[in-house]
Amino acid sequence: MIEAIRTENAPFARFPDGTEPPLSQAIRVDGLVLTSGQGPLDPATNAIPDDFAAQVRQVLHNLVAVFVAAGSRKDLIVKCTCYLGDRADFGTFNRVYQEFFADCPVMPARTTVVAQLVREGVRVEIDGVAAVDTAGE
């Protein structure tokens, strides 16, 4: 069964005209959770940090919030696809990313690309795949 996941603990940003984007925050299927791209919008304040490192941290927190809502956890993330708006930010991205996952026994597999990001002010976006937490079942 394919199940759509939605949580208020991560942003679900509307388009400037107020319409919702045609996507799910995540999909849970066959023991996996696959997220849509998460950006740096703070779900509590609706603000995007100016600082790049702060954007990376917010994106990663948003990503984990979606995984948790879908029945997973940070240490069950198996793959991240990371999109940077500027190659010059790659070193900072690596540092913040490594710090964020330092408490996990295994780093997720990862692809990082430089891309033109759609939303104004967004300098990083990440989507991911995680295993569903079956320990509690």
Protein backbone atom coordinates (compact mmCIF):
# COMPACT_ATOMS: atom_id res chain seq x y z
CA MET A 1 0.00 0.00 0.00
CA ILE A 2 1.22 3.49 -0.84
CA GLU A 3 0.51 6.08 1.85
CA ALA A 4 0.96 9.87 1.65
CA ILE A 5 2.56 11.52 4.69
CA ARG A 6 1.96 15.07 5.86
CA THR A 7 3.11 16.83 9.02
CA GLU A 8 2.88 20.34 10.40
CA ASN A 9 6.36 19.84 11.93
CA ALA A 10 7.92 20.52 8.52
CA PRO A 11 6.85 23.22 6.09
CA PHE A 12 4.45 22.52 3.26
CA ALA A 13 4.97 25.78 1.41
CA ARG A 14 2.28 27.10 -0.85
CA PHE A 15 3.03 28.82 -4.12
CA PRO A 16 2.95 32.66 -4.13
CA ASP A 17 -0.63 32.57 -5.49
CA GLY A 18 -1.75 30.51 -2.45
CA THR A 19 -2.17 27.19 -4.24
CA GLU A 20 -0.67 23.98 -2.87
CA PRO A 21 2.13 22.26 -4.78
CA PRO A 22 1.14 18.99 -6.48
CA LEU A 23 3.14 16.66 -4.21
CA SER A 24 3.21 14.79 -0.92
CA GLN A 25 5.74 15.67 1.79
CA ALA A 26 6.59 11.96 1.73
CA ILE A 27 5.35 8.57 0.61
CA ARG A 28 5.56 5.42 2.72
CA VAL A 29 5.66 2.15 0.76
CA ASP A 30 7.09 -1.34 1.34
CA GLY A 31 9.08 -0.45 4.46
CA LEU A 32 10.56 2.73 2.99
CA VAL A 33 9.84 6.43 3.29
CA LEU A 34 10.66 8.69 0.32
CA THR A 35 10.48 12.44 0.89
CA SER A 36 9.93 15.35 -1.42
CA GLY A 37 12.64 18.00 -1.34
CA GLN A 38 12.80 19.85 1.96
CA GLY A 39 13.86 23.46 2.05
CA PRO A 40 15.07 25.79 4.82
CA LEU A 41 11.71 27.32 5.77
CA ASP A 42 11.24 27.25 9.55
CA PRO A 43 7.77 25.72 10.14
CA ALA A 44 7.25 27.78 13.31
CA THR A 45 8.20 31.21 11.95
CA ASN A 46 7.86 30.75 8.16
CA ALA A 47 11.26 32.44 7.85
CA ILE A 48 14.26 31.35 5.78
CA PRO A 49 17.62 31.91 7.50
CA ASP A 50 20.04 34.18 5.62
CA ASP A 51 23.10 32.21 6.79
CA PHE A 52 23.91 29.18 4.60
CA ALA A 53 24.91 26.88 7.51
CA ALA A 54 21.66 27.75 9.29
CA GLN A 55 19.75 26.89 6.10
CA VAL A 56 21.44 23.48 5.94
CA ARG A 57 20.59 22.75 9.59
CA GLN A 58 16.95 23.80 9.08
CA VAL A 59 16.64 21.65 5.94
CA LEU A 60 18.00 18.63 7.81
CA HIS A 61 15.64 19.20 10.75
CA ASN A 62 12.71 19.50 8.33
CA LEU A 63 13.78 16.30 6.58
CA VAL A 64 13.93 14.39 9.88
CA ALA A 65 10.54 15.79 10.94
CA VAL A 66 8.97 14.32 7.81
CA PHE A 67 10.70 10.97 8.38
CA VAL A 68 9.50 10.88 12.00
CA ALA A 69 5.93 11.64 10.91
CA ALA A 70 6.19 8.67 8.55
CA GLY A 71 7.42 6.29 11.26
CA SER A 72 11.16 6.51 10.70
CA ARG A 73 14.11 8.20 12.44
CA LYS A 74 17.30 10.07 11.63
CA ASP A 75 19.51 6.99 12.03
CA LEU A 76 17.37 5.07 9.50
CA ILE A 77 18.01 7.52 6.66
CA VAL A 78 19.72 5.53 3.90
CA LYS A 79 20.01 8.06 1.04
CA CYS A 80 19.99 11.83 0.60
CA THR A 81 20.01 13.80 -2.62
CA CYS A 82 21.29 17.30 -1.91
CA TYR A 83 20.88 20.36 -4.11
CA LEU A 84 23.10 23.40 -3.60
CA GLY A 85 22.50 26.72 -5.29
CA ASP A 86 26.20 27.63 -5.29
CA ARG A 87 29.25 25.36 -5.56
CA ALA A 88 31.14 27.75 -3.27
CA ASP A 89 28.94 26.54 -0.37
CA PHE A 90 30.03 22.89 -0.76
CA GLY A 91 32.66 22.97 2.03
CA THR A 92 30.26 24.51 4.54
CA PHE A 93 27.57 22.06 3.47
CA ASN A 94 29.85 19.07 4.07
CA ARG A 95 30.84 20.35 7.53
CA VAL A 96 27.24 20.94 8.70
CA TYR A 97 26.00 17.70 7.14
CA GLN A 98 28.74 15.67 8.85
CA GLU A 99 28.04 17.34 12.22
CA PHE A 100 24.32 16.62 11.87
CA PHE A 101 24.81 12.90 11.22
CA ALA A 102 27.74 12.47 13.68
CA ASP A 103 25.55 10.57 16.16
CA CYS A 104 24.41 8.03 13.55
CA PRO A 105 26.25 4.70 13.22
CA VAL A 106 26.29 4.94 9.40
CA MET A 107 26.27 7.99 7.13
CA PRO A 108 23.52 7.91 4.51
CA ALA A 109 24.49 7.35 0.89
CA ARG A 110 24.47 10.76 -0.79
CA THR A 111 24.44 12.58 -4.08
CA THR A 112 25.13 16.32 -4.16
CA VAL A 113 24.50 18.51 -7.19
CA VAL A 114 24.62 22.22 -7.91
CA ALA A 115 21.29 23.38 -9.28
CA GLN A 116 19.23 26.48 -9.81
CA LEU A 117 16.73 26.28 -6.94
CA VAL A 118 13.18 27.44 -7.53
CA ARG A 119 12.31 29.51 -4.45
CA GLU A 120 13.83 32.93 -3.81
CA GLY A 121 16.35 32.89 -0.95
CA VAL A 122 16.64 29.09 -0.84
CA ARG A 123 20.28 28.00 -1.13
CA VAL A 124 19.90 24.28 -0.29
CA GLU A 125 17.27 21.55 -0.63
CA ILE A 126 17.43 17.86 0.31
CA ASP A 127 15.23 14.85 -0.35
CA GLY A 128 15.79 11.43 1.12
CA VAL A 129 14.92 7.80 1.61
CA ALA A 130 14.71 6.03 4.99
CA ALA A 131 13.69 2.67 6.34
CA VAL A 132 10.51 2.52 8.41
CA ASP A 133 11.18 1.91 12.10
CA THR A 134 9.92 -1.62 12.75
CA ALA A 135 11.48 -1.97 16.22
CA GLY A 136 8.26 -0.85 17.94
CA GLU A 137 6.03 -3.34 16.12
